[in-house]
Each structure stands twice: as structure tokens, then as C-alpha cells.
Amino acid sequence: MVLRFAIEFLKSIAIIIALPLGIGFAVEIVVFALSDRDVSGAFGSGLAGIAAGIFGLVIAIVIVIRRIADIED
């Protein structure tokens, strides 16, 4: 029981860390590649990366909450 909790806890932490970073980084690269590569393009790609990271964090939290709800059933 303790081992299962530890594994699920580490999986949840990995999801919460990796999903926002991955989505934010991917969106930032795409927006920067599609921009005109000047200062405003870099600023815009940074903002897009932050926004996508926040969106990814929300998705990650929902996934973790669903996993917790499945464990308790």
C-alpha cells in the first residue's frame, strides 16, 4: 500500500512538472518560428509559452485529480 502510494505520488509529480513545461516549450518554439524573429516576436513567444504552460498546468491538475479519484474507488 505504501509502495503504491509512493509510486502514484511520484507519477503525479512528474505529470504536474512535465506537462506544463513540455506544452509551454513547444508552443514557444512554434510561435517564435512563425514570428518575424525580432524583439516583439521573442516577447510574444515568451508570453505564448507562459500561457500554454498555465493551460498545461490546469490539464495536469485535472489529470492528477482524476487519478486520485480512481485510486479511492
PDB file of N, CA and C in Angstrom:
ATOM      1  N   MET A   1       0.827  -1.196   0.000  1.00  0.00           N
ATOM      2  CA  MET A   1       0.000   0.000   0.000  1.00  0.00           C
ATOM      3  C   MET A   1       0.870   1.258   0.000  1.00  0.00           C
ATOM      4  N   VAL A   2       1.899   1.259   0.845  1.00  0.00           N
ATOM      5  CA  VAL A   2       2.781   2.423   0.909  1.00  0.00           C
ATOM      6  C   VAL A   2       3.568   2.570  -0.381  1.00  0.00           C
ATOM      7  N   LEU A   3       4.016   1.457  -0.935  1.00  0.00           N
ATOM      8  CA  LEU A   3       4.767   1.492  -2.187  1.00  0.00           C
ATOM      9  C   LEU A   3       3.895   2.008  -3.323  1.00  0.00           C
ATOM     10  N   ARG A   4       2.661   1.548  -3.382  1.00  0.00           N
ATOM     11  CA  ARG A   4       1.742   2.016  -4.424  1.00  0.00           C
ATOM     12  C   ARG A   4       1.489   3.509  -4.284  1.00  0.00           C
ATOM     13  N   PHE A   5       1.322   3.977  -3.035  1.00  0.00           N
ATOM     14  CA  PHE A   5       1.112   5.407  -2.818  1.00  0.00           C
ATOM     15  C   PHE A   5       2.329   6.209  -3.275  1.00  0.00           C
ATOM     16  N   ALA A   6       3.520   5.726  -2.949  1.00  0.00           N
ATOM     17  CA  ALA A   6       4.742   6.433  -3.332  1.00  0.00           C
ATOM     18  C   ALA A   6       4.895   6.504  -4.848  1.00  0.00           C
ATOM     19  N   ILE A   7       4.605   5.396  -5.517  1.00  0.00           N
ATOM     20  CA  ILE A   7       4.711   5.378  -6.976  1.00  0.00           C
ATOM     21  C   ILE A   7       3.693   6.317  -7.606  1.00  0.00           C
ATOM     22  N   GLU A   8       2.447   6.266  -7.142  1.00  0.00           N
ATOM     23  CA  GLU A   8       1.417   7.155  -7.691  1.00  0.00           C
ATOM     24  C   GLU A   8       1.738   8.617  -7.392  1.00  0.00           C
ATOM     25  N   PHE A   9       2.301   8.883  -6.216  1.00  0.00           N
ATOM     26  CA  PHE A   9       2.670  10.243  -5.856  1.00  0.00           C
ATOM     27  C   PHE A   9       3.762  10.761  -6.790  1.00  0.00           C
ATOM     28  N   LEU A  10       4.772   9.939  -7.057  1.00  0.00           N
ATOM     29  CA  LEU A  10       5.847  10.350  -7.961  1.00  0.00           C
ATOM     30  C   LEU A  10       5.344  10.522  -9.392  1.00  0.00           C
ATOM     31  N   LYS A  11       4.426   9.668  -9.818  1.00  0.00           N
ATOM     32  CA  LYS A  11       3.831   9.826 -11.146  1.00  0.00           C
ATOM     33  C   LYS A  11       3.059  11.136 -11.241  1.00  0.00           C
ATOM     34  N   SER A  12       2.335  11.461 -10.187  1.00  0.00           N
ATOM     35  CA  SER A  12       1.560  12.704 -10.173  1.00  0.00           C
ATOM     36  C   SER A  12       2.473  13.919 -10.230  1.00  0.00           C
ATOM     37  N   ILE A  13       3.556  13.879  -9.484  1.00  0.00           N
ATOM     38  CA  ILE A  13       4.510  14.990  -9.522  1.00  0.00           C
ATOM     39  C   ILE A  13       5.132  15.111 -10.912  1.00  0.00           C
ATOM     40  N   ALA A  14       5.452  13.989 -11.519  1.00  0.00           N
ATOM     41  CA  ALA A  14       6.032  14.009 -12.862  1.00  0.00           C
ATOM     42  C   ALA A  14       5.055  14.595 -13.875  1.00  0.00           C
ATOM     43  N   ILE A  15       3.787  14.255 -13.761  1.00  0.00           N
ATOM     44  CA  ILE A  15       2.778  14.796 -14.669  1.00  0.00           C
ATOM     45  C   ILE A  15       2.662  16.303 -14.478  1.00  0.00           C
ATOM     46  N   ILE A  16       2.621  16.750 -13.223  1.00  0.00           N
ATOM     47  CA  ILE A  16       2.447  18.178 -12.946  1.00  0.00           C
ATOM     48  C   ILE A  16       3.659  18.982 -13.413  1.00  0.00           C
ATOM     49  N   ILE A  17       4.838  18.412 -13.375  1.00  0.00           N
ATOM     50  CA  ILE A  17       6.031  19.137 -13.817  1.00  0.00           C
ATOM     51  C   ILE A  17       6.203  19.060 -15.332  1.00  0.00           C
ATOM     52  N   ALA A  18       6.067  17.875 -15.896  1.00  0.00           N
ATOM     53  CA  ALA A  18       6.410  17.665 -17.303  1.00  0.00           C
ATOM     54  C   ALA A  18       5.392  18.241 -18.279  1.00  0.00           C
ATOM     55  N   LEU A  19       4.132  18.140 -17.977  1.00  0.00           N
ATOM     56  CA  LEU A  19       3.110  18.589 -18.933  1.00  0.00           C
ATOM     57  C   LEU A  19       3.167  20.092 -19.194  1.00  0.00           C
ATOM     58  N   PRO A  20       3.167  20.946 -18.159  1.00  0.00           N
ATOM     59  CA  PRO A  20       3.255  22.383 -18.448  1.00  0.00           C
ATOM     60  C   PRO A  20       4.569  22.782 -19.123  1.00  0.00           C
ATOM     61  N   LEU A  21       5.677  22.186 -18.691  1.00  0.00           N
ATOM     62  CA  LEU A  21       6.957  22.522 -19.319  1.00  0.00           C
ATOM     63  C   LEU A  21       6.985  22.104 -20.781  1.00  0.00           C
ATOM     64  N   GLY A  22       6.512  20.906 -21.063  1.00  0.00           N
ATOM     65  CA  GLY A  22       6.512  20.418 -22.442  1.00  0.00           C
ATOM     66  C   GLY A  22       5.614  21.230 -23.358  1.00  0.00           C
ATOM     67  N   ILE A  23       4.405  21.502 -22.915  1.00  0.00           N
ATOM     68  CA  ILE A  23       3.474  22.268 -23.735  1.00  0.00           C
ATOM     69  C   ILE A  23       3.964  23.700 -23.917  1.00  0.00           C
ATOM     70  N   GLY A  24       4.425  24.314 -22.824  1.00  0.00           N
ATOM     71  CA  GLY A  24       4.909  25.697 -22.908  1.00  0.00           C
ATOM     72  C   GLY A  24       6.106  25.823 -23.823  1.00  0.00           C
ATOM     73  N   PHE A  25       7.050  24.903 -23.716  1.00  0.00           N
ATOM     74  CA  PHE A  25       8.241  24.949 -24.556  1.00  0.00           C
ATOM     75  C   PHE A  25       7.899  24.731 -26.025  1.00  0.00           C
ATOM     76  N   ALA A  26       7.017  23.783 -26.303  1.00  0.00           N
ATOM     77  CA  ALA A  26       6.632  23.507 -27.691  1.00  0.00           C
ATOM     78  C   ALA A  26       5.926  24.711 -28.313  1.00  0.00           C
ATOM     79  N   VAL A  27       5.010  25.316 -27.574  1.00  0.00           N
ATOM     80  CA  VAL A  27       4.292  26.483 -28.104  1.00  0.00           C
ATOM     81  C   VAL A  27       5.244  27.651 -28.301  1.00  0.00           C
ATOM     82  N   GLU A  28       6.170  27.844 -27.384  1.00  0.00           N
ATOM     83  CA  GLU A  28       7.126  28.940 -27.513  1.00  0.00           C
ATOM     84  C   GLU A  28       7.985  28.783 -28.761  1.00  0.00           C
ATOM     85  N   ILE A  29       8.424  27.566 -29.036  1.00  0.00           N
ATOM     86  CA  ILE A  29       9.236  27.325 -30.237  1.00  0.00           C
ATOM     87  C   ILE A  29       8.419  27.568 -31.502  1.00  0.00           C
ATOM     88  N   VAL A  30       7.190  27.094 -31.516  1.00  0.00           N
ATOM     89  CA  VAL A  30       6.344  27.269 -32.710  1.00  0.00           C
ATOM     90  C   VAL A  30       6.043  28.742 -32.945  1.00  0.00           C
ATOM     91  N   VAL A  31       5.675  29.475 -31.909  1.00  0.00           N
ATOM     92  CA  VAL A  31       5.344  30.893 -32.073  1.00  0.00           C
ATOM     93  C   VAL A  31       6.575  31.681 -32.497  1.00  0.00           C
ATOM     94  N   PHE A  32       7.726  31.371 -31.908  1.00  0.00           N
ATOM     95  CA  PHE A  32       8.946  32.082 -32.302  1.00  0.00           C
ATOM     96  C   PHE A  32       9.331  31.762 -33.742  1.00  0.00           C
ATOM     97  N   ALA A  33       9.141  30.522 -34.159  1.00  0.00           N
ATOM     98  CA  ALA A  33       9.462  30.149 -35.543  1.00  0.00           C
ATOM     99  C   ALA A  33       8.526  30.827 -36.535  1.00  0.00           C
ATOM    100  N   LEU A  34       7.280  31.051 -36.136  1.00  0.00           N
ATOM    101  CA  LEU A  34       6.323  31.696 -37.038  1.00  0.00           C
ATOM    102  C   LEU A  34       6.379  33.220 -36.975  1.00  0.00           C
ATOM    103  N   SER A  35       7.063  33.775 -35.976  1.00  0.00           N
ATOM    104  CA  SER A  35       7.141  35.228 -35.851  1.00  0.00           C
ATOM    105  C   SER A  35       8.251  35.764 -36.752  1.00  0.00           C
ATOM    106  N   ASP A  36       8.415  37.072 -36.731  1.00  0.00           N
ATOM    107  CA  ASP A  36       9.438  37.683 -37.571  1.00  0.00           C
ATOM    108  C   ASP A  36      10.802  37.745 -36.883  1.00  0.00           C
ATOM    109  N   ARG A  37      10.961  37.113 -35.750  1.00  0.00           N
ATOM    110  CA  ARG A  37      12.216  36.925 -35.017  1.00  0.00           C
ATOM    111  C   ARG A  37      12.877  38.238 -34.577  1.00  0.00           C
ATOM    112  N   ASP A  38      12.093  39.224 -34.259  1.00  0.00           N
ATOM    113  CA  ASP A  38      12.652  40.431 -33.669  1.00  0.00           C
ATOM    114  C   ASP A  38      12.305  40.446 -32.183  1.00  0.00           C
ATOM    115  N   VAL A  39      12.481  41.574 -31.535  1.00  0.00           N
ATOM    116  CA  VAL A  39      12.253  41.640 -30.091  1.00  0.00           C
ATOM    117  C   VAL A  39      10.794  41.354 -29.752  1.00  0.00           C
ATOM    118  N   SER A  40       9.866  41.879 -30.511  1.00  0.00           N
ATOM    119  CA  SER A  40       8.448  41.637 -30.213  1.00  0.00           C
ATOM    120  C   SER A  40       8.078  40.177 -30.465  1.00  0.00           C
ATOM    121  N   GLY A  41       8.736  39.531 -31.413  1.00  0.00           N
ATOM    122  CA  GLY A  41       8.480  38.109 -31.652  1.00  0.00           C
ATOM    123  C   GLY A  41       8.952  37.259 -30.489  1.00  0.00           C
ATOM    124  N   ALA A  42      10.111  37.626 -29.936  1.00  0.00           N
ATOM    125  CA  ALA A  42      10.620  36.891 -28.773  1.00  0.00           C
ATOM    126  C   ALA A  42       9.720  37.131 -27.567  1.00  0.00           C
ATOM    127  N   PHE A  43       9.272  38.362 -27.392  1.00  0.00           N
ATOM    128  CA  PHE A  43       8.375  38.682 -26.274  1.00  0.00           C
ATOM    129  C   PHE A  43       7.044  37.946 -26.431  1.00  0.00           C
ATOM    130  N   GLY A  44       6.515  37.943 -27.636  1.00  0.00           N
ATOM    131  CA  GLY A  44       5.251  37.252 -27.891  1.00  0.00           C
ATOM    132  C   GLY A  44       5.361  35.752 -27.708  1.00  0.00           C
ATOM    133  N   SER A  45       6.489  35.189 -28.127  1.00  0.00           N
ATOM    134  CA  SER A  45       6.652  33.744 -27.954  1.00  0.00           C
ATOM    135  C   SER A  45       6.810  33.401 -26.480  1.00  0.00           C
ATOM    136  N   GLY A  46       7.441  34.282 -25.714  1.00  0.00           N
ATOM    137  CA  GLY A  46       7.553  34.064 -24.270  1.00  0.00           C
ATOM    138  C   GLY A  46       6.194  34.092 -23.597  1.00  0.00           C
ATOM    139  N   LEU A  47       5.365  35.058 -23.981  1.00  0.00           N
ATOM    140  CA  LEU A  47       4.011  35.134 -23.417  1.00  0.00           C
ATOM    141  C   LEU A  47       3.173  33.929 -23.820  1.00  0.00           C
ATOM    142  N   ALA A  48       3.320  33.490 -25.068  1.00  0.00           N
ATOM    143  CA  ALA A  48       2.582  32.308 -25.515  1.00  0.00           C
ATOM    144  C   ALA A  48       3.038  31.074 -24.751  1.00  0.00           C
ATOM    145  N   GLY A  49       4.323  30.970 -24.483  1.00  0.00           N
ATOM    146  CA  GLY A  49       4.832  29.843 -23.705  1.00  0.00           C
ATOM    147  C   GLY A  49       4.306  29.835 -22.283  1.00  0.00           C
ATOM    148  N   ILE A  50       4.246  31.024 -21.673  1.00  0.00           N
ATOM    149  CA  ILE A  50       3.704  31.130 -20.314  1.00  0.00           C
ATOM    150  C   ILE A  50       2.221  30.756 -20.294  1.00  0.00           C
ATOM    151  N   ALA A  51       1.465  31.275 -21.254  1.00  0.00           N
ATOM    152  CA  ALA A  51       0.030  30.974 -21.313  1.00  0.00           C
ATOM    153  C   ALA A  51      -0.207  29.477 -21.541  1.00  0.00           C
ATOM    154  N   ALA A  52       0.570  28.876 -22.431  1.00  0.00           N
ATOM    155  CA  ALA A  52       0.420  27.443 -22.685  1.00  0.00           C
ATOM    156  C   ALA A  52       0.845  26.632 -21.466  1.00  0.00           C
ATOM    157  N   GLY A  53       1.861  27.098 -20.755  1.00  0.00           N
ATOM    158  CA  GLY A  53       2.279  26.424 -19.534  1.00  0.00           C
ATOM    159  C   GLY A  53       1.205  26.445 -18.463  1.00  0.00           C
ATOM    160  N   ILE A  54       0.532  27.572 -18.330  1.00  0.00           N
ATOM    161  CA  ILE A  54      -0.568  27.669 -17.363  1.00  0.00           C
ATOM    162  C   ILE A  54      -1.706  26.739 -17.777  1.00  0.00           C
ATOM    163  N   PHE A  55      -2.009  26.716 -19.061  1.00  0.00           N
ATOM    164  CA  PHE A  55      -3.039  25.804 -19.564  1.00  0.00           C
ATOM    165  C   PHE A  55      -2.646  24.349 -19.315  1.00  0.00           C
ATOM    166  N   GLY A  56      -1.368  24.035 -19.558  1.00  0.00           N
ATOM    167  CA  GLY A  56      -0.875  22.686 -19.293  1.00  0.00           C
ATOM    168  C   GLY A  56      -0.937  22.327 -17.821  1.00  0.00           C
ATOM    169  N   LEU A  57      -0.696  23.309 -16.951  1.00  0.00           N
ATOM    170  CA  LEU A  57      -0.788  23.064 -15.511  1.00  0.00           C
ATOM    171  C   LEU A  57      -2.211  22.718 -15.106  1.00  0.00           C
ATOM    172  N   VAL A  58      -3.171  23.422 -15.674  1.00  0.00           N
ATOM    173  CA  VAL A  58      -4.580  23.129 -15.380  1.00  0.00           C
ATOM    174  C   VAL A  58      -4.926  21.715 -15.836  1.00  0.00           C
ATOM    175  N   ILE A  59      -4.495  21.350 -17.032  1.00  0.00           N
ATOM    176  CA  ILE A  59      -4.748  19.999 -17.539  1.00  0.00           C
ATOM    177  C   ILE A  59      -4.073  18.958 -16.644  1.00  0.00           C
ATOM    178  N   ALA A  60      -2.835  19.232 -16.219  1.00  0.00           N
ATOM    179  CA  ALA A  60      -2.109  18.292 -15.366  1.00  0.00           C
ATOM    180  C   ALA A  60      -2.811  18.105 -14.025  1.00  0.00           C
ATOM    181  N   ILE A  61      -3.305  19.192 -13.453  1.00  0.00           N
ATOM    182  CA  ILE A  61      -4.010  19.088 -12.172  1.00  0.00           C
ATOM    183  C   ILE A  61      -5.285  18.272 -12.329  1.00  0.00           C
ATOM    184  N   VAL A  62      -5.998  18.472 -13.435  1.00  0.00           N
ATOM    185  CA  VAL A  62      -7.210  17.685 -13.676  1.00  0.00           C
ATOM    186  C   VAL A  62      -6.862  16.206 -13.823  1.00  0.00           C
ATOM    187  N   ILE A  63      -5.783  15.891 -14.532  1.00  0.00           N
ATOM    188  CA  ILE A  63      -5.374  14.503 -14.692  1.00  0.00           C
ATOM    189  C   ILE A  63      -5.035  13.880 -13.347  1.00  0.00           C
ATOM    190  N   VAL A  64      -4.300  14.617 -12.514  1.00  0.00           N
ATOM    191  CA  VAL A  64      -3.917  14.092 -11.202  1.00  0.00           C
ATOM    192  C   VAL A  64      -5.136  13.900 -10.317  1.00  0.00           C
ATOM    193  N   ILE A  65      -6.059  14.832 -10.332  1.00  0.00           N
ATOM    194  CA  ILE A  65      -7.275  14.693  -9.515  1.00  0.00           C
ATOM    195  C   ILE A  65      -8.087  13.484  -9.981  1.00  0.00           C
ATOM    196  N   ARG A  66      -8.156  13.263 -11.287  1.00  0.00           N
ATOM    197  CA  ARG A  66      -8.856  12.084 -11.798  1.00  0.00           C
ATOM    198  C   ARG A  66      -8.164  10.800 -11.353  1.00  0.00           C
ATOM    199  N   ARG A  67      -6.823  10.797 -11.348  1.00  0.00           N
ATOM    200  CA  ARG A  67      -6.082   9.612 -10.902  1.00  0.00           C
ATOM    201  C   ARG A  67      -6.338   9.344  -9.420  1.00  0.00           C
ATOM    202  N   ILE A  68      -6.384  10.408  -8.616  1.00  0.00           N
ATOM    203  CA  ILE A  68      -6.660  10.254  -7.197  1.00  0.00           C
ATOM    204  C   ILE A  68      -8.062   9.706  -6.988  1.00  0.00           C
ATOM    205  N   ALA A  69      -9.012  10.200  -7.748  1.00  0.00           N
ATOM    206  CA  ALA A  69     -10.398   9.729  -7.620  1.00  0.00           C
ATOM    207  C   ALA A  69     -10.500   8.252  -8.023  1.00  0.00           C
ATOM    208  N   ASP A  70      -9.723   7.833  -9.025  1.00  0.00           N
ATOM    209  CA  ASP A  70      -9.747   6.430  -9.442  1.00  0.00           C
ATOM    210  C   ASP A  70      -9.136   5.513  -8.387  1.00  0.00           C
ATOM    211  N   ILE A  71      -8.128   6.000  -7.669  1.00  0.00           N
ATOM    212  CA  ILE A  71      -7.495   5.189  -6.630  1.00  0.00           C
ATOM    213  C   ILE A  71      -8.453   4.928  -5.474  1.00  0.00           C
ATOM    214  N   GLU A  72      -9.257   5.939  -5.122  1.00  0.00           N
ATOM    215  CA  GLU A  72     -10.135   5.807  -3.970  1.00  0.00           C
ATOM    216  C   GLU A  72     -11.340   4.909  -4.230  1.00  0.00           C
ATOM    217  N   ASP A  73     -11.632   4.635  -5.499  1.00  0.00           N
ATOM    218  CA  ASP A  73     -12.789   3.781  -5.815  1.00  0.00           C
ATOM    219  C   ASP A  73     -12.582   2.359  -5.480  1.00  0.00           C
TER     220      ASP A  73
END
